[in-house]
Amino acid sequence: MNTLIAPVMALTAWSLVIWLWMYVQRLPAMTRAGLKPQDARFPGSLDGLPNIARQAADNYNHLMEQPTIFYAAALAIQVAGHGDALAVKLAWAYVGLRVLHSLVQISVNIVLVRFLLFSLSTITLAWMVVRELLVLFG
């Protein structure tokens, strides 16, 4: 399928999986810590939770940050009619790298591995954007 919609929807679906995972981890941890939902009203209020619960929440936040650029870029490329095979491959590479980043962060959370995956995904996203800018303005 030569469309950028599929990788956009895949990363959107992955973000929802991580949202669910975050609450599967966070709610029992809050109960064990004796925290009520209102106790989470300020940023950082849940920093005392076990790492596994915090890692899932941190990753969910990460999926709300840079991927927003991906969504905008991928949809703009698609709407412009420039969603060729390379654009689609780059989009899927970006999604794959972000999924791997999530899996590392919610499990072993090795920062150097996360940084490598983040860097590779950023380079992939930049490639997509620069490539499209060259088509538009080149």
C-alpha atoms as a PDB file:
ATOM      1  CA  MET A   1       0.000   0.000   0.000  1.00  0.00           C
ATOM      2  CA  ASN A   2       1.566   3.269  -1.153  1.00  0.00           C
ATOM      3  CA  THR A   3       0.007   5.609   1.390  1.00  0.00           C
ATOM      4  CA  LEU A   4       1.255   7.438   4.447  1.00  0.00           C
ATOM      5  CA  ILE A   5      -2.085   7.030   6.197  1.00  0.00           C
ATOM      6  CA  ALA A   6      -1.253   3.488   7.359  1.00  0.00           C
ATOM      7  CA  PRO A   7       1.919   4.417   9.299  1.00  0.00           C
ATOM      8  CA  VAL A   8       0.163   7.477  10.756  1.00  0.00           C
ATOM      9  CA  MET A   9      -2.666   5.280  12.004  1.00  0.00           C
ATOM     10  CA  ALA A  10      -0.233   2.627  13.237  1.00  0.00           C
ATOM     11  CA  LEU A  11       1.629   5.138  15.413  1.00  0.00           C
ATOM     12  CA  THR A  12      -1.677   6.554  16.616  1.00  0.00           C
ATOM     13  CA  ALA A  13      -2.820   3.061  17.585  1.00  0.00           C
ATOM     14  CA  TRP A  14       0.541   2.392  19.282  1.00  0.00           C
ATOM     15  CA  SER A  15       0.127   5.579  21.321  1.00  0.00           C
ATOM     16  CA  LEU A  16      -3.231   4.289  22.534  1.00  0.00           C
ATOM     17  CA  VAL A  17      -1.652   0.937  23.473  1.00  0.00           C
ATOM     18  CA  ILE A  18       0.945   2.801  25.545  1.00  0.00           C
ATOM     19  CA  TRP A  19      -1.845   4.904  27.115  1.00  0.00           C
ATOM     20  CA  LEU A  20      -3.557   1.682  28.194  1.00  0.00           C
ATOM     21  CA  TRP A  21      -0.255   0.197  29.421  1.00  0.00           C
ATOM     22  CA  MET A  22       0.390   3.379  31.407  1.00  0.00           C
ATOM     23  CA  TYR A  23      -2.863   2.968  33.320  1.00  0.00           C
ATOM     24  CA  VAL A  24      -2.433  -0.780  33.740  1.00  0.00           C
ATOM     25  CA  GLN A  25       0.832   0.080  35.513  1.00  0.00           C
ATOM     26  CA  ARG A  26      -0.120   3.354  37.182  1.00  0.00           C
ATOM     27  CA  LEU A  27      -3.490   2.619  38.821  1.00  0.00           C
ATOM     28  CA  PRO A  28      -2.364  -0.454  40.799  1.00  0.00           C
ATOM     29  CA  ALA A  29       0.846   1.390  41.788  1.00  0.00           C
ATOM     30  CA  MET A  30      -1.209   4.316  43.055  1.00  0.00           C
ATOM     31  CA  THR A  31      -3.441   1.958  45.033  1.00  0.00           C
ATOM     32  CA  ARG A  32      -0.423   0.208  46.578  1.00  0.00           C
ATOM     33  CA  ALA A  33       1.060   3.616  47.489  1.00  0.00           C
ATOM     34  CA  GLY A  34      -2.222   4.734  49.062  1.00  0.00           C
ATOM     35  CA  LEU A  35      -2.624   7.590  46.586  1.00  0.00           C
ATOM     36  CA  LYS A  36      -5.986   8.930  45.474  1.00  0.00           C
ATOM     37  CA  PRO A  37      -6.585  10.280  41.936  1.00  0.00           C
ATOM     38  CA  GLN A  38      -6.692  13.844  43.321  1.00  0.00           C
ATOM     39  CA  ASP A  39      -3.141  13.335  44.622  1.00  0.00           C
ATOM     40  CA  ALA A  40      -1.979  13.412  40.989  1.00  0.00           C
ATOM     41  CA  ARG A  41      -3.248  16.935  40.314  1.00  0.00           C
ATOM     42  CA  PHE A  42       0.216  18.506  39.953  1.00  0.00           C
ATOM     43  CA  PRO A  43       3.043  17.557  37.575  1.00  0.00           C
ATOM     44  CA  GLY A  44       5.519  15.384  39.407  1.00  0.00           C
ATOM     45  CA  SER A  45       2.976  14.290  42.017  1.00  0.00           C
ATOM     46  CA  LEU A  46       3.432  10.664  41.021  1.00  0.00           C
ATOM     47  CA  ASP A  47       7.233  10.698  40.850  1.00  0.00           C
ATOM     48  CA  GLY A  48       7.354   8.443  43.887  1.00  0.00           C
ATOM     49  CA  LEU A  49       5.681   5.573  42.052  1.00  0.00           C
ATOM     50  CA  PRO A  50       7.764   2.541  41.037  1.00  0.00           C
ATOM     51  CA  ASN A  51       9.887   2.955  37.909  1.00  0.00           C
ATOM     52  CA  ILE A  52       7.734   0.634  35.786  1.00  0.00           C
ATOM     53  CA  ALA A  53       4.705   2.890  36.297  1.00  0.00           C
ATOM     54  CA  ARG A  54       6.698   6.076  35.670  1.00  0.00           C
ATOM     55  CA  GLN A  55       8.408   4.694  32.548  1.00  0.00           C
ATOM     56  CA  ALA A  56       5.081   3.977  30.865  1.00  0.00           C
ATOM     57  CA  ALA A  57       3.816   7.477  31.671  1.00  0.00           C
ATOM     58  CA  ASP A  58       7.048   9.061  30.472  1.00  0.00           C
ATOM     59  CA  ASN A  59       6.852   7.119  27.219  1.00  0.00           C
ATOM     60  CA  TYR A  60       3.249   8.142  26.661  1.00  0.00           C
ATOM     61  CA  ASN A  61       4.348  11.770  27.066  1.00  0.00           C
ATOM     62  CA  HIS A  62       7.174  11.191  24.577  1.00  0.00           C
ATOM     63  CA  LEU A  63       4.629   9.883  22.065  1.00  0.00           C
ATOM     64  CA  MET A  64       2.762  13.174  22.404  1.00  0.00           C
ATOM     65  CA  GLU A  65       5.861  15.225  21.606  1.00  0.00           C
ATOM     66  CA  GLN A  66       7.993  14.621  18.487  1.00  0.00           C
ATOM     67  CA  PRO A  67       5.491  12.315  16.758  1.00  0.00           C
ATOM     68  CA  THR A  68       3.198  15.316  16.326  1.00  0.00           C
ATOM     69  CA  ILE A  69       5.746  16.583  13.794  1.00  0.00           C
ATOM     70  CA  PHE A  70       5.623  13.172  12.109  1.00  0.00           C
ATOM     71  CA  TYR A  71       1.833  13.295  11.864  1.00  0.00           C
ATOM     72  CA  ALA A  72       1.880  16.763  10.339  1.00  0.00           C
ATOM     73  CA  ALA A  73       4.696  15.929   7.912  1.00  0.00           C
ATOM     74  CA  ALA A  74       3.293  12.572   6.814  1.00  0.00           C
ATOM     75  CA  LEU A  75      -0.188  13.953   6.247  1.00  0.00           C
ATOM     76  CA  ALA A  76       1.180  17.012   4.415  1.00  0.00           C
ATOM     77  CA  ILE A  77       3.254  14.774   2.139  1.00  0.00           C
ATOM     78  CA  GLN A  78       0.207  12.597   1.487  1.00  0.00           C
ATOM     79  CA  VAL A  79      -2.102  15.556   0.783  1.00  0.00           C
ATOM     80  CA  ALA A  80       0.496  17.066  -1.560  1.00  0.00           C
ATOM     81  CA  GLY A  81       0.417  13.817  -3.531  1.00  0.00           C
ATOM     82  CA  HIS A  82       4.083  13.065  -2.846  1.00  0.00           C
ATOM     83  CA  GLY A  83       3.595   9.868  -0.864  1.00  0.00           C
ATOM     84  CA  ASP A  84       5.847   7.711  -3.024  1.00  0.00           C
ATOM     85  CA  ALA A  85       7.429   4.385  -2.043  1.00  0.00           C
ATOM     86  CA  LEU A  86      10.426   6.013  -0.311  1.00  0.00           C
ATOM     87  CA  ALA A  87       8.209   8.351   1.708  1.00  0.00           C
ATOM     88  CA  VAL A  88       6.154   5.374   2.853  1.00  0.00           C
ATOM     89  CA  LYS A  89       9.283   3.382   3.761  1.00  0.00           C
ATOM     90  CA  LEU A  90      10.647   6.312   5.747  1.00  0.00           C
ATOM     91  CA  ALA A  91       7.318   6.699   7.549  1.00  0.00           C
ATOM     92  CA  TRP A  92       7.245   3.008   8.457  1.00  0.00           C
ATOM     93  CA  ALA A  93      10.876   3.210   9.592  1.00  0.00           C
ATOM     94  CA  TYR A  94       9.967   6.132  11.844  1.00  0.00           C
ATOM     95  CA  VAL A  95       7.038   4.196  13.315  1.00  0.00           C
ATOM     96  CA  GLY A  96       9.173   1.094  13.855  1.00  0.00           C
ATOM     97  CA  LEU A  97      11.894   3.087  15.601  1.00  0.00           C
ATOM     98  CA  ARG A  98       9.346   4.801  17.862  1.00  0.00           C
ATOM     99  CA  VAL A  99       7.792   1.443  18.776  1.00  0.00           C
ATOM    100  CA  LEU A 100      11.241   0.072  19.613  1.00  0.00           C
ATOM    101  CA  HIS A 101      11.927   3.211  21.671  1.00  0.00           C
ATOM    102  CA  SER A 102       8.701   2.587  23.589  1.00  0.00           C
ATOM    103  CA  LEU A 103       9.511  -1.068  24.211  1.00  0.00           C
ATOM    104  CA  VAL A 104      12.936  -0.163  25.569  1.00  0.00           C
ATOM    105  CA  GLN A 105      11.576   2.636  27.756  1.00  0.00           C
ATOM    106  CA  ILE A 106       8.741   0.612  29.289  1.00  0.00           C
ATOM    107  CA  SER A 107      10.985  -2.374  29.990  1.00  0.00           C
ATOM    108  CA  VAL A 108      14.756  -2.165  30.538  1.00  0.00           C
ATOM    109  CA  ASN A 109      14.915   1.629  30.073  1.00  0.00           C
ATOM    110  CA  ILE A 110      18.555   1.750  29.024  1.00  0.00           C
ATOM    111  CA  VAL A 111      19.091   5.426  28.232  1.00  0.00           C
ATOM    112  CA  LEU A 112      21.840   4.932  25.631  1.00  0.00           C
ATOM    113  CA  VAL A 113      19.659   2.500  23.670  1.00  0.00           C
ATOM    114  CA  ARG A 114      16.696   4.863  23.937  1.00  0.00           C
ATOM    115  CA  PHE A 115      18.871   7.761  22.785  1.00  0.00           C
ATOM    116  CA  LEU A 116      20.118   5.772  19.789  1.00  0.00           C
ATOM    117  CA  LEU A 117      16.564   4.868  18.778  1.00  0.00           C
ATOM    118  CA  PHE A 118      15.380   8.442  19.343  1.00  0.00           C
ATOM    119  CA  SER A 119      18.271   9.792  17.266  1.00  0.00           C
ATOM    120  CA  LEU A 120      17.628   7.348  14.423  1.00  0.00           C
ATOM    121  CA  SER A 121      13.928   8.191  14.426  1.00  0.00           C
ATOM    122  CA  THR A 122      14.731  11.917  14.398  1.00  0.00           C
ATOM    123  CA  ILE A 123      17.107  11.457  11.456  1.00  0.00           C
ATOM    124  CA  THR A 124      14.400   9.492   9.629  1.00  0.00           C
ATOM    125  CA  LEU A 125      11.841  12.217  10.306  1.00  0.00           C
ATOM    126  CA  ALA A 126      14.284  14.905   9.186  1.00  0.00           C
ATOM    127  CA  TRP A 127      14.920  12.931   5.994  1.00  0.00           C
ATOM    128  CA  MET A 128      11.194  12.858   5.300  1.00  0.00           C
ATOM    129  CA  VAL A 129      10.835  16.593   5.911  1.00  0.00           C
ATOM    130  CA  VAL A 130      13.932  17.715   3.989  1.00  0.00           C
ATOM    131  CA  ARG A 131      13.010  15.460   1.086  1.00  0.00           C
ATOM    132  CA  GLU A 132       9.549  17.029   0.909  1.00  0.00           C
ATOM    133  CA  LEU A 133      10.926  20.553   1.235  1.00  0.00           C
ATOM    134  CA  LEU A 134      13.223  19.872  -1.722  1.00  0.00           C
ATOM    135  CA  VAL A 135      10.228  18.734  -3.763  1.00  0.00           C
ATOM    136  CA  LEU A 136       8.204  21.787  -2.746  1.00  0.00           C
ATOM    137  CA  PHE A 137      10.890  24.453  -2.983  1.00  0.00           C
ATOM    138  CA  GLY A 138      13.717  22.792  -4.914  1.00  0.00           C
END
